Amino acid sequence: MAVLWRAFLSTCLTAGLCLWIPGPVSAQTPAATPPAAAKDASYVGSAACKDCHAKEYASYSRYSKKAHSSESVKIMAKKLTPEELAGCFACHTTGYGKPGGFVSFEQTPALANAGCEVCHGPGSAHVDAGGDPALIKNKLAMADCEGCHNAERVRNFNFKPMLFAGAH
């Protein structure tokens, strides 16, 4: 069964769809590694993507829960400990805990939602080079999703599986 799900996920990711599989998944598929020139890239926020990727950005903005994920965190923040809040930031913002990533709603508002760079990596090198596809992660693997979309979070938060989350 896991093999069938993995093949299905691979097909969906290649087609540009988001798929969330609620259950244990083998970590045999390595996460895509960023190109060497992009290793020093910084986060620029999803708005930097919209001019060149208008269709994807429009779909993301309208349909993806990620595009508005900070709203849920803001609603819950007063009820959470700092450790719990950090756990929320890890999946509901862009680049939290990473160099140049989300720090706070006040300091880094452009990174407050889980945006394009959560999946595709920091985009400054890609943007600065006029959209060079070699400077951004564009071939995603299941391991790229498992940091947030994993069985533990499904159980803890009673998530429902989503076949298409509106990312593209």
N, C-alpha and C. Protein backbone atom coordinates (compact mmCIF):
# COMPACT_ATOMS: atom_id res chain seq x y z
N MET A 1 0.82 -1.19 0.00
CA MET A 1 0.00 0.00 0.00
C MET A 1 0.87 1.26 0.00
N ALA A 2 1.92 1.27 0.85
CA ALA A 2 2.80 2.44 0.91
C ALA A 2 3.49 2.68 -0.43
N VAL A 3 3.82 1.62 -1.14
CA VAL A 3 4.47 1.75 -2.44
C VAL A 3 3.52 2.43 -3.43
N LEU A 4 2.24 2.05 -3.40
CA LEU A 4 1.25 2.68 -4.28
C LEU A 4 1.09 4.16 -3.96
N TRP A 5 1.00 4.48 -2.66
CA TRP A 5 0.88 5.88 -2.26
C TRP A 5 2.11 6.67 -2.70
N ARG A 6 3.29 6.10 -2.53
CA ARG A 6 4.52 6.81 -2.90
C ARG A 6 4.53 7.08 -4.40
N ALA A 7 4.14 6.11 -5.21
CA ALA A 7 4.10 6.30 -6.66
C ALA A 7 3.08 7.37 -7.03
N PHE A 8 1.93 7.34 -6.36
CA PHE A 8 0.89 8.33 -6.61
C PHE A 8 1.38 9.73 -6.23
N LEU A 9 2.02 9.85 -5.07
CA LEU A 9 2.54 11.14 -4.64
C LEU A 9 3.60 11.64 -5.60
N SER A 10 4.49 10.77 -6.03
CA SER A 10 5.53 11.17 -6.97
C SER A 10 4.92 11.73 -8.24
N THR A 11 3.89 11.08 -8.74
CA THR A 11 3.20 11.54 -9.95
C THR A 11 2.56 12.89 -9.71
N CYS A 12 1.90 13.06 -8.57
CA CYS A 12 1.22 14.32 -8.28
C CYS A 12 2.22 15.46 -8.10
N LEU A 13 3.33 15.22 -7.41
CA LEU A 13 4.33 16.27 -7.23
C LEU A 13 4.94 16.67 -8.56
N THR A 14 5.21 15.69 -9.42
CA THR A 14 5.76 15.99 -10.74
C THR A 14 4.78 16.83 -11.54
N ALA A 15 3.48 16.58 -11.36
CA ALA A 15 2.46 17.34 -12.08
C ALA A 15 2.18 18.69 -11.44
N GLY A 16 2.82 18.98 -10.30
CA GLY A 16 2.64 20.27 -9.64
C GLY A 16 1.49 20.31 -8.66
N LEU A 17 1.07 19.15 -8.19
CA LEU A 17 -0.02 19.11 -7.22
C LEU A 17 0.54 18.86 -5.83
N CYS A 18 -0.17 19.32 -4.83
CA CYS A 18 0.18 19.01 -3.45
C CYS A 18 -0.64 17.81 -3.02
N LEU A 19 0.01 16.87 -2.40
CA LEU A 19 -0.69 15.71 -1.89
C LEU A 19 -0.23 15.47 -0.48
N TRP A 20 -1.17 15.20 0.38
CA TRP A 20 -0.86 14.97 1.77
C TRP A 20 -1.30 13.56 2.10
N ILE A 21 -0.39 12.74 2.53
CA ILE A 21 -0.70 11.36 2.86
C ILE A 21 -0.65 11.23 4.38
N PRO A 22 -1.81 11.03 5.01
CA PRO A 22 -1.82 10.91 6.46
C PRO A 22 -1.45 9.50 6.90
N GLY A 23 -0.22 9.29 7.20
CA GLY A 23 0.18 7.98 7.66
C GLY A 23 1.68 7.82 7.55
N PRO A 24 2.21 6.76 8.09
CA PRO A 24 3.65 6.57 8.04
C PRO A 24 4.13 6.36 6.61
N VAL A 25 5.22 7.01 6.31
CA VAL A 25 5.79 6.91 4.98
C VAL A 25 7.29 6.70 5.15
N SER A 26 7.83 5.82 4.40
CA SER A 26 9.26 5.57 4.45
C SER A 26 10.02 6.79 3.99
N ALA A 27 11.14 7.06 4.62
CA ALA A 27 11.94 8.23 4.27
C ALA A 27 13.02 7.86 3.26
N GLN A 28 12.73 6.93 2.36
CA GLN A 28 13.73 6.50 1.40
C GLN A 28 13.97 7.53 0.31
N THR A 29 12.98 8.39 0.03
CA THR A 29 13.16 9.39 -1.01
C THR A 29 13.87 10.59 -0.41
N PRO A 30 15.08 10.91 -0.85
CA PRO A 30 15.80 12.04 -0.27
C PRO A 30 15.17 13.36 -0.68
N ALA A 31 15.28 14.34 0.19
CA ALA A 31 14.80 15.68 -0.14
C ALA A 31 15.65 16.24 -1.26
N ALA A 32 15.02 16.99 -2.14
CA ALA A 32 15.77 17.62 -3.23
C ALA A 32 16.79 18.58 -2.64
N THR A 33 17.99 18.54 -3.13
CA THR A 33 19.01 19.44 -2.61
C THR A 33 19.05 20.70 -3.45
N PRO A 34 19.20 21.84 -2.79
CA PRO A 34 19.23 23.08 -3.54
C PRO A 34 20.50 23.17 -4.38
N PRO A 35 20.43 23.85 -5.51
CA PRO A 35 21.62 24.02 -6.34
C PRO A 35 22.72 24.74 -5.54
N ALA A 36 23.96 24.48 -5.89
CA ALA A 36 25.09 25.06 -5.16
C ALA A 36 25.03 26.58 -5.10
N ALA A 37 24.69 27.25 -6.18
CA ALA A 37 24.65 28.71 -6.22
C ALA A 37 23.53 29.26 -5.35
N ALA A 38 22.54 28.44 -5.04
CA ALA A 38 21.39 28.91 -4.26
C ALA A 38 21.58 28.68 -2.75
N LYS A 39 22.67 28.05 -2.35
CA LYS A 39 22.87 27.74 -0.94
C LYS A 39 22.92 28.99 -0.07
N ASP A 40 23.38 30.10 -0.58
CA ASP A 40 23.46 31.34 0.19
C ASP A 40 22.26 32.24 -0.04
N ALA A 41 21.26 31.73 -0.72
CA ALA A 41 20.07 32.53 -1.03
C ALA A 41 19.31 32.86 0.25
N SER A 42 18.59 33.97 0.22
CA SER A 42 17.76 34.37 1.36
C SER A 42 16.30 34.33 0.94
N TYR A 43 15.44 34.44 1.93
CA TYR A 43 14.00 34.41 1.69
C TYR A 43 13.52 35.78 1.20
N VAL A 44 12.65 35.77 0.20
CA VAL A 44 12.15 37.02 -0.37
C VAL A 44 10.64 37.17 -0.23
N GLY A 45 9.93 36.12 0.14
CA GLY A 45 8.48 36.16 0.27
C GLY A 45 7.79 35.83 -1.03
N SER A 46 6.58 35.33 -0.94
CA SER A 46 5.83 34.86 -2.12
C SER A 46 5.49 35.96 -3.10
N ALA A 47 5.34 37.19 -2.63
CA ALA A 47 5.00 38.30 -3.54
C ALA A 47 6.08 38.47 -4.61
N ALA A 48 7.32 38.09 -4.31
CA ALA A 48 8.40 38.20 -5.29
C ALA A 48 8.24 37.20 -6.43
N CYS A 49 7.37 36.22 -6.27
CA CYS A 49 7.17 35.19 -7.28
C CYS A 49 6.05 35.54 -8.26
N LYS A 50 5.15 36.44 -7.87
CA LYS A 50 3.91 36.62 -8.62
C LYS A 50 4.08 37.17 -10.02
N ASP A 51 5.08 37.99 -10.31
CA ASP A 51 5.22 38.55 -11.65
C ASP A 51 5.55 37.49 -12.69
N CYS A 52 6.43 36.58 -12.35
CA CYS A 52 6.83 35.52 -13.30
C CYS A 52 5.95 34.28 -13.23
N HIS A 53 5.33 34.06 -12.09
CA HIS A 53 4.53 32.87 -11.87
C HIS A 53 3.10 33.28 -11.50
N ALA A 54 2.50 34.10 -12.34
CA ALA A 54 1.20 34.70 -12.05
C ALA A 54 0.10 33.66 -11.82
N LYS A 55 0.04 32.65 -12.67
CA LYS A 55 -1.01 31.63 -12.54
C LYS A 55 -0.86 30.86 -11.23
N GLU A 56 0.35 30.44 -10.93
CA GLU A 56 0.61 29.69 -9.70
C GLU A 56 0.35 30.56 -8.48
N TYR A 57 0.80 31.81 -8.53
CA TYR A 57 0.61 32.73 -7.41
C TYR A 57 -0.88 32.99 -7.17
N ALA A 58 -1.64 33.18 -8.23
CA ALA A 58 -3.08 33.43 -8.10
C ALA A 58 -3.78 32.21 -7.48
N SER A 59 -3.42 31.03 -7.91
CA SER A 59 -4.01 29.81 -7.36
C SER A 59 -3.62 29.65 -5.89
N TYR A 60 -2.35 29.86 -5.60
CA TYR A 60 -1.86 29.78 -4.22
C TYR A 60 -2.61 30.78 -3.33
N SER A 61 -2.71 32.02 -3.77
CA SER A 61 -3.34 33.07 -2.97
C SER A 61 -4.82 32.80 -2.72
N ARG A 62 -5.47 32.24 -3.72
CA ARG A 62 -6.92 32.03 -3.60
C ARG A 62 -7.30 30.73 -2.89
N TYR A 63 -6.57 29.65 -3.19
CA TYR A 63 -7.02 28.34 -2.72
C TYR A 63 -6.18 27.70 -1.62
N SER A 64 -4.93 28.06 -1.52
CA SER A 64 -4.06 27.36 -0.58
C SER A 64 -4.27 27.85 0.85
N LYS A 65 -4.43 26.91 1.75
CA LYS A 65 -4.52 27.27 3.17
C LYS A 65 -3.20 27.89 3.64
N LYS A 66 -2.12 27.52 2.98
CA LYS A 66 -0.81 28.05 3.36
C LYS A 66 -0.73 29.56 3.19
N ALA A 67 -1.46 30.09 2.20
CA ALA A 67 -1.40 31.52 1.91
C ALA A 67 -1.97 32.37 3.03
N HIS A 68 -2.72 31.75 3.93
CA HIS A 68 -3.35 32.48 5.03
C HIS A 68 -3.06 31.82 6.37
N SER A 69 -2.00 31.03 6.43
CA SER A 69 -1.73 30.23 7.62
C SER A 69 -1.41 31.05 8.85
N SER A 70 -0.91 32.25 8.69
CA SER A 70 -0.57 33.07 9.85
C SER A 70 -1.81 33.48 10.63
N GLU A 71 -2.95 33.55 9.96
CA GLU A 71 -4.19 33.92 10.65
C GLU A 71 -4.54 32.92 11.74
N SER A 72 -4.37 31.64 11.45
CA SER A 72 -4.64 30.60 12.45
C SER A 72 -3.68 30.72 13.62
N VAL A 73 -2.43 30.99 13.33
CA VAL A 73 -1.43 31.13 14.39
C VAL A 73 -1.76 32.34 15.26
N LYS A 74 -2.12 33.44 14.66
CA LYS A 74 -2.46 34.64 15.43
C LYS A 74 -3.65 34.40 16.35
N ILE A 75 -4.63 33.66 15.89
CA ILE A 75 -5.81 33.35 16.70
C ILE A 75 -5.42 32.53 17.93
N MET A 76 -4.53 31.58 17.75
CA MET A 76 -4.15 30.66 18.83
C MET A 76 -3.02 31.18 19.72
N ALA A 77 -2.26 32.14 19.26
CA ALA A 77 -1.01 32.55 19.92
C ALA A 77 -1.16 32.85 21.41
N LYS A 78 -2.20 33.52 21.81
CA LYS A 78 -2.36 33.91 23.22
C LYS A 78 -2.58 32.71 24.13
N LYS A 79 -2.99 31.58 23.57
CA LYS A 79 -3.28 30.39 24.35
C LYS A 79 -2.09 29.43 24.39
N LEU A 80 -0.99 29.78 23.74
CA LEU A 80 0.13 28.86 23.59
C LEU A 80 1.35 29.31 24.37
N THR A 81 2.15 28.33 24.76
CA THR A 81 3.44 28.62 25.37
C THR A 81 4.40 29.03 24.26
N PRO A 82 5.51 29.67 24.58
CA PRO A 82 6.49 30.02 23.54
C PRO A 82 6.97 28.79 22.75
N GLU A 83 7.11 27.65 23.42
CA GLU A 83 7.55 26.43 22.74
C GLU A 83 6.49 25.95 21.76
N GLU A 84 5.23 26.00 22.18
CA GLU A 84 4.14 25.59 21.30
C GLU A 84 4.03 26.53 20.11
N LEU A 85 4.18 27.81 20.37
CA LEU A 85 4.10 28.81 19.30
C LEU A 85 5.23 28.59 18.28
N ALA A 86 6.42 28.29 18.76
CA ALA A 86 7.54 28.00 17.85
C ALA A 86 7.21 26.79 16.97
N GLY A 87 6.53 25.80 17.53
CA GLY A 87 6.12 24.64 16.75
C GLY A 87 5.14 25.03 15.65
N CYS A 88 4.26 25.97 15.94
CA CYS A 88 3.32 26.47 14.92
C CYS A 88 4.08 27.22 13.82
N PHE A 89 5.00 28.08 14.24
CA PHE A 89 5.77 28.87 13.27
C PHE A 89 6.54 27.97 12.32
N ALA A 90 7.00 26.83 12.80
CA ALA A 90 7.81 25.93 11.98
C ALA A 90 7.09 25.50 10.70
N CYS A 91 5.76 25.33 10.75
CA CYS A 91 5.02 24.88 9.57
C CYS A 91 4.12 25.94 8.97
N HIS A 92 3.81 26.97 9.72
CA HIS A 92 2.83 27.95 9.25
C HIS A 92 3.44 29.28 8.82
N THR A 93 4.77 29.37 8.77
CA THR A 93 5.46 30.56 8.27
C THR A 93 6.54 30.11 7.30
N THR A 94 7.24 31.05 6.72
CA THR A 94 8.29 30.73 5.75
C THR A 94 9.67 30.93 6.37
N GLY A 95 10.43 29.86 6.45
CA GLY A 95 11.82 29.92 6.88
C GLY A 95 12.04 30.12 8.36
N TYR A 96 11.06 29.84 9.20
CA TYR A 96 11.24 30.03 10.64
C TYR A 96 12.41 29.18 11.14
N GLY A 97 13.28 29.81 11.92
CA GLY A 97 14.43 29.10 12.49
C GLY A 97 15.59 28.94 11.52
N LYS A 98 15.46 29.50 10.33
CA LYS A 98 16.52 29.40 9.33
C LYS A 98 17.06 30.81 9.05
N PRO A 99 18.30 30.92 8.63
CA PRO A 99 18.86 32.25 8.34
C PRO A 99 18.01 33.02 7.34
N GLY A 100 17.62 34.23 7.73
CA GLY A 100 16.83 35.08 6.86
C GLY A 100 15.36 34.74 6.79
N GLY A 101 14.92 33.78 7.61
CA GLY A 101 13.52 33.36 7.61
C GLY A 101 12.66 34.18 8.55
N PHE A 102 11.43 33.74 8.73
CA PHE A 102 10.46 34.42 9.59
C PHE A 102 11.02 34.57 11.00
N VAL A 103 10.86 35.78 11.54
CA VAL A 103 11.27 36.08 12.91
C VAL A 103 10.03 36.42 13.75
N SER A 104 9.24 37.35 13.25
CA SER A 104 8.01 37.75 13.94
C SER A 104 7.09 38.43 12.94
N PHE A 105 5.83 38.58 13.32
CA PHE A 105 4.86 39.24 12.44
C PHE A 105 5.27 40.69 12.18
N GLU A 106 5.90 41.31 13.16
CA GLU A 106 6.31 42.71 13.02
C GLU A 106 7.59 42.85 12.19
N GLN A 107 8.57 41.99 12.44
CA GLN A 107 9.87 42.12 11.77
C GLN A 107 9.89 41.56 10.35
N THR A 108 9.17 40.49 10.10
CA THR A 108 9.21 39.82 8.80
C THR A 108 7.80 39.50 8.29
N PRO A 109 6.97 40.51 8.08
CA PRO A 109 5.58 40.25 7.68
C PRO A 109 5.46 39.54 6.32
N ALA A 110 6.41 39.72 5.42
CA ALA A 110 6.35 39.07 4.10
C ALA A 110 6.56 37.56 4.20
N LEU A 111 7.02 37.09 5.36
CA LEU A 111 7.28 35.66 5.55
C LEU A 111 6.32 35.04 6.57
N ALA A 112 5.26 35.78 6.92
CA ALA A 112 4.35 35.35 7.97
C ALA A 112 3.50 34.15 7.60
N ASN A 113 3.27 33.91 6.33
CA ASN A 113 2.50 32.75 5.89
C ASN A 113 3.44 31.69 5.33
N ALA A 114 2.96 30.47 5.23
CA ALA A 114 3.74 29.41 4.60
C ALA A 114 3.64 29.62 3.09
N GLY A 115 4.68 30.17 2.50
CA GLY A 115 4.63 30.56 1.10
C GLY A 115 5.44 29.66 0.18
N CYS A 116 5.66 30.15 -1.01
CA CYS A 116 6.34 29.41 -2.07
C CYS A 116 7.68 28.81 -1.61
N GLU A 117 8.41 29.60 -0.81
CA GLU A 117 9.76 29.19 -0.43
C GLU A 117 9.79 28.08 0.61
N VAL A 118 8.64 27.77 1.23
CA VAL A 118 8.59 26.63 2.15
C VAL A 118 8.93 25.36 1.37
N CYS A 119 8.38 25.24 0.18
CA CYS A 119 8.63 24.05 -0.65
C CYS A 119 9.83 24.22 -1.58
N HIS A 120 9.97 25.41 -2.16
CA HIS A 120 10.98 25.62 -3.20
C HIS A 120 12.30 26.18 -2.70
N GLY A 121 12.39 26.49 -1.41
CA GLY A 121 13.62 27.01 -0.83
C GLY A 121 13.74 28.51 -1.00
N PRO A 122 14.71 29.12 -0.31
CA PRO A 122 14.91 30.57 -0.40
C PRO A 122 15.08 31.00 -1.86
N GLY A 123 14.41 32.09 -2.23
CA GLY A 123 14.34 32.46 -3.64
C GLY A 123 15.17 33.61 -4.12
N SER A 124 15.99 34.23 -3.27
CA SER A 124 16.70 35.44 -3.71
C SER A 124 17.61 35.20 -4.90
N ALA A 125 18.36 34.11 -4.92
CA ALA A 125 19.27 33.84 -6.04
C ALA A 125 18.47 33.64 -7.33
N HIS A 126 17.37 32.94 -7.25
CA HIS A 126 16.48 32.69 -8.40
C HIS A 126 15.94 34.02 -8.93
N VAL A 127 15.45 34.86 -8.04
CA VAL A 127 14.88 36.15 -8.43
C VAL A 127 15.96 37.06 -8.99
N ASP A 128 17.08 37.15 -8.31
CA ASP A 128 18.18 38.04 -8.74
C ASP A 128 18.75 37.65 -10.10
N ALA A 129 18.65 36.37 -10.44
CA ALA A 129 19.17 35.90 -11.73
C ALA A 129 18.09 35.90 -12.81
N GLY A 130 17.01 36.61 -12.57
CA GLY A 130 15.96 36.71 -13.58
C GLY A 130 15.14 35.45 -13.75
N GLY A 131 15.08 34.64 -12.69
CA GLY A 131 14.25 33.43 -12.74
C GLY A 131 14.98 32.19 -13.20
N ASP A 132 16.28 32.16 -13.07
CA ASP A 132 17.06 30.99 -13.47
C ASP A 132 16.54 29.75 -12.73
N PRO A 133 15.97 28.77 -13.45
CA PRO A 133 15.40 27.60 -12.79
C PRO A 133 16.43 26.75 -12.05
N ALA A 134 17.70 26.89 -12.39
CA ALA A 134 18.73 26.12 -11.71
C ALA A 134 18.99 26.63 -10.29
N LEU A 135 18.42 27.81 -9.97
CA LEU A 135 18.69 28.42 -8.66
C LEU A 135 17.52 28.32 -7.69
N ILE A 136 16.63 27.39 -7.95
CA ILE A 136 15.49 27.17 -7.05
C ILE A 136 15.16 25.68 -7.09
N LYS A 137 14.62 25.18 -6.00
CA LYS A 137 14.24 23.77 -5.95
C LYS A 137 12.93 23.60 -6.70
N ASN A 138 12.97 22.89 -7.82
CA ASN A 138 11.74 22.70 -8.60
C ASN A 138 11.34 21.24 -8.75
N LYS A 139 12.19 20.35 -8.39
CA LYS A 139 11.86 18.92 -8.39
C LYS A 139 11.72 18.50 -6.93
N LEU A 140 10.48 18.38 -6.47
CA LEU A 140 10.24 18.07 -5.07
C LEU A 140 10.08 16.57 -4.87
N ALA A 141 10.48 16.13 -3.70
CA ALA A 141 10.34 14.73 -3.31
C ALA A 141 9.45 14.66 -2.07
N MET A 142 8.97 13.49 -1.76
CA MET A 142 8.11 13.32 -0.61
C MET A 142 8.77 13.84 0.67
N ALA A 143 10.06 13.63 0.81
CA ALA A 143 10.77 14.07 2.00
C ALA A 143 10.68 15.59 2.18
N ASP A 144 10.47 16.33 1.10
CA ASP A 144 10.31 17.78 1.21
C ASP A 144 9.02 18.15 1.94
N CYS A 145 8.04 17.29 1.90
CA CYS A 145 6.73 17.54 2.51
C CYS A 145 6.63 17.02 3.94
N GLU A 146 7.42 16.01 4.25
CA GLU A 146 7.26 15.29 5.51
C GLU A 146 7.60 16.08 6.76
N GLY A 147 8.30 17.18 6.65
CA GLY A 147 8.59 17.98 7.83
C GLY A 147 7.32 18.46 8.50
N CYS A 148 6.34 18.84 7.71
CA CYS A 148 5.05 19.30 8.24
C CYS A 148 3.94 18.29 8.04
N HIS A 149 3.91 17.64 6.91
CA HIS A 149 2.85 16.69 6.59
C HIS A 149 3.30 15.29 7.00
N ASN A 150 3.12 14.98 8.28
CA ASN A 150 3.54 13.69 8.78
C ASN A 150 2.46 13.09 9.67
N ALA A 151 2.57 11.83 9.94
CA ALA A 151 1.54 11.09 10.69
C ALA A 151 1.30 11.68 12.08
N GLU A 152 2.35 12.11 12.74
CA GLU A 152 2.19 12.66 14.09
C GLU A 152 1.29 13.90 14.09
N ARG A 153 1.50 14.79 13.15
CA ARG A 153 0.67 15.99 13.10
C ARG A 153 -0.77 15.66 12.70
N VAL A 154 -0.95 14.67 11.84
CA VAL A 154 -2.30 14.25 11.46
C VAL A 154 -3.04 13.78 12.72
N ARG A 155 -2.39 12.95 13.52
CA ARG A 155 -3.02 12.44 14.75
C ARG A 155 -3.26 13.57 15.75
N ASN A 156 -2.25 14.41 16.00
CA ASN A 156 -2.35 15.44 17.02
C ASN A 156 -3.39 16.51 16.70
N PHE A 157 -3.57 16.84 15.43
CA PHE A 157 -4.45 17.94 15.06
C PHE A 157 -5.69 17.50 14.29
N ASN A 158 -5.88 16.18 14.18
CA ASN A 158 -7.05 15.64 13.49
C ASN A 158 -7.19 16.21 12.08
N PHE A 159 -6.07 16.32 11.37
CA PHE A 159 -6.10 16.81 10.00
C PHE A 159 -6.85 15.84 9.11
N LYS A 160 -7.47 16.36 8.12
CA LYS A 160 -8.12 15.56 7.10
C LYS A 160 -7.17 15.50 5.90
N PRO A 161 -7.10 14.36 5.23
CA PRO A 161 -6.22 14.28 4.07
C PRO A 161 -6.68 15.24 2.96
N MET A 162 -5.72 15.82 2.28
CA MET A 162 -6.04 16.71 1.17
C MET A 162 -5.31 16.24 -0.07
N LEU A 163 -6.04 16.05 -1.15
CA LEU A 163 -5.42 15.63 -2.39
C LEU A 163 -4.81 16.82 -3.11
N PHE A 164 -5.55 17.92 -3.17
CA PHE A 164 -5.05 19.11 -3.83
C PHE A 164 -5.24 20.29 -2.90
N ALA A 165 -4.15 20.83 -2.43
CA ALA A 165 -4.22 21.90 -1.43
C ALA A 165 -4.17 23.28 -2.06
N GLY A 166 -4.21 23.37 -3.36
CA GLY A 166 -4.24 24.67 -4.01
C GLY A 166 -2.92 25.37 -4.11
N ALA A 167 -1.82 24.67 -3.90
CA ALA A 167 -0.52 25.33 -3.97
C ALA A 167 -0.21 25.81 -5.38
N HIS A 168 -0.58 25.04 -6.38
CA HIS A 168 -0.36 25.48 -7.77
C HIS A 168 -1.65 25.37 -8.52
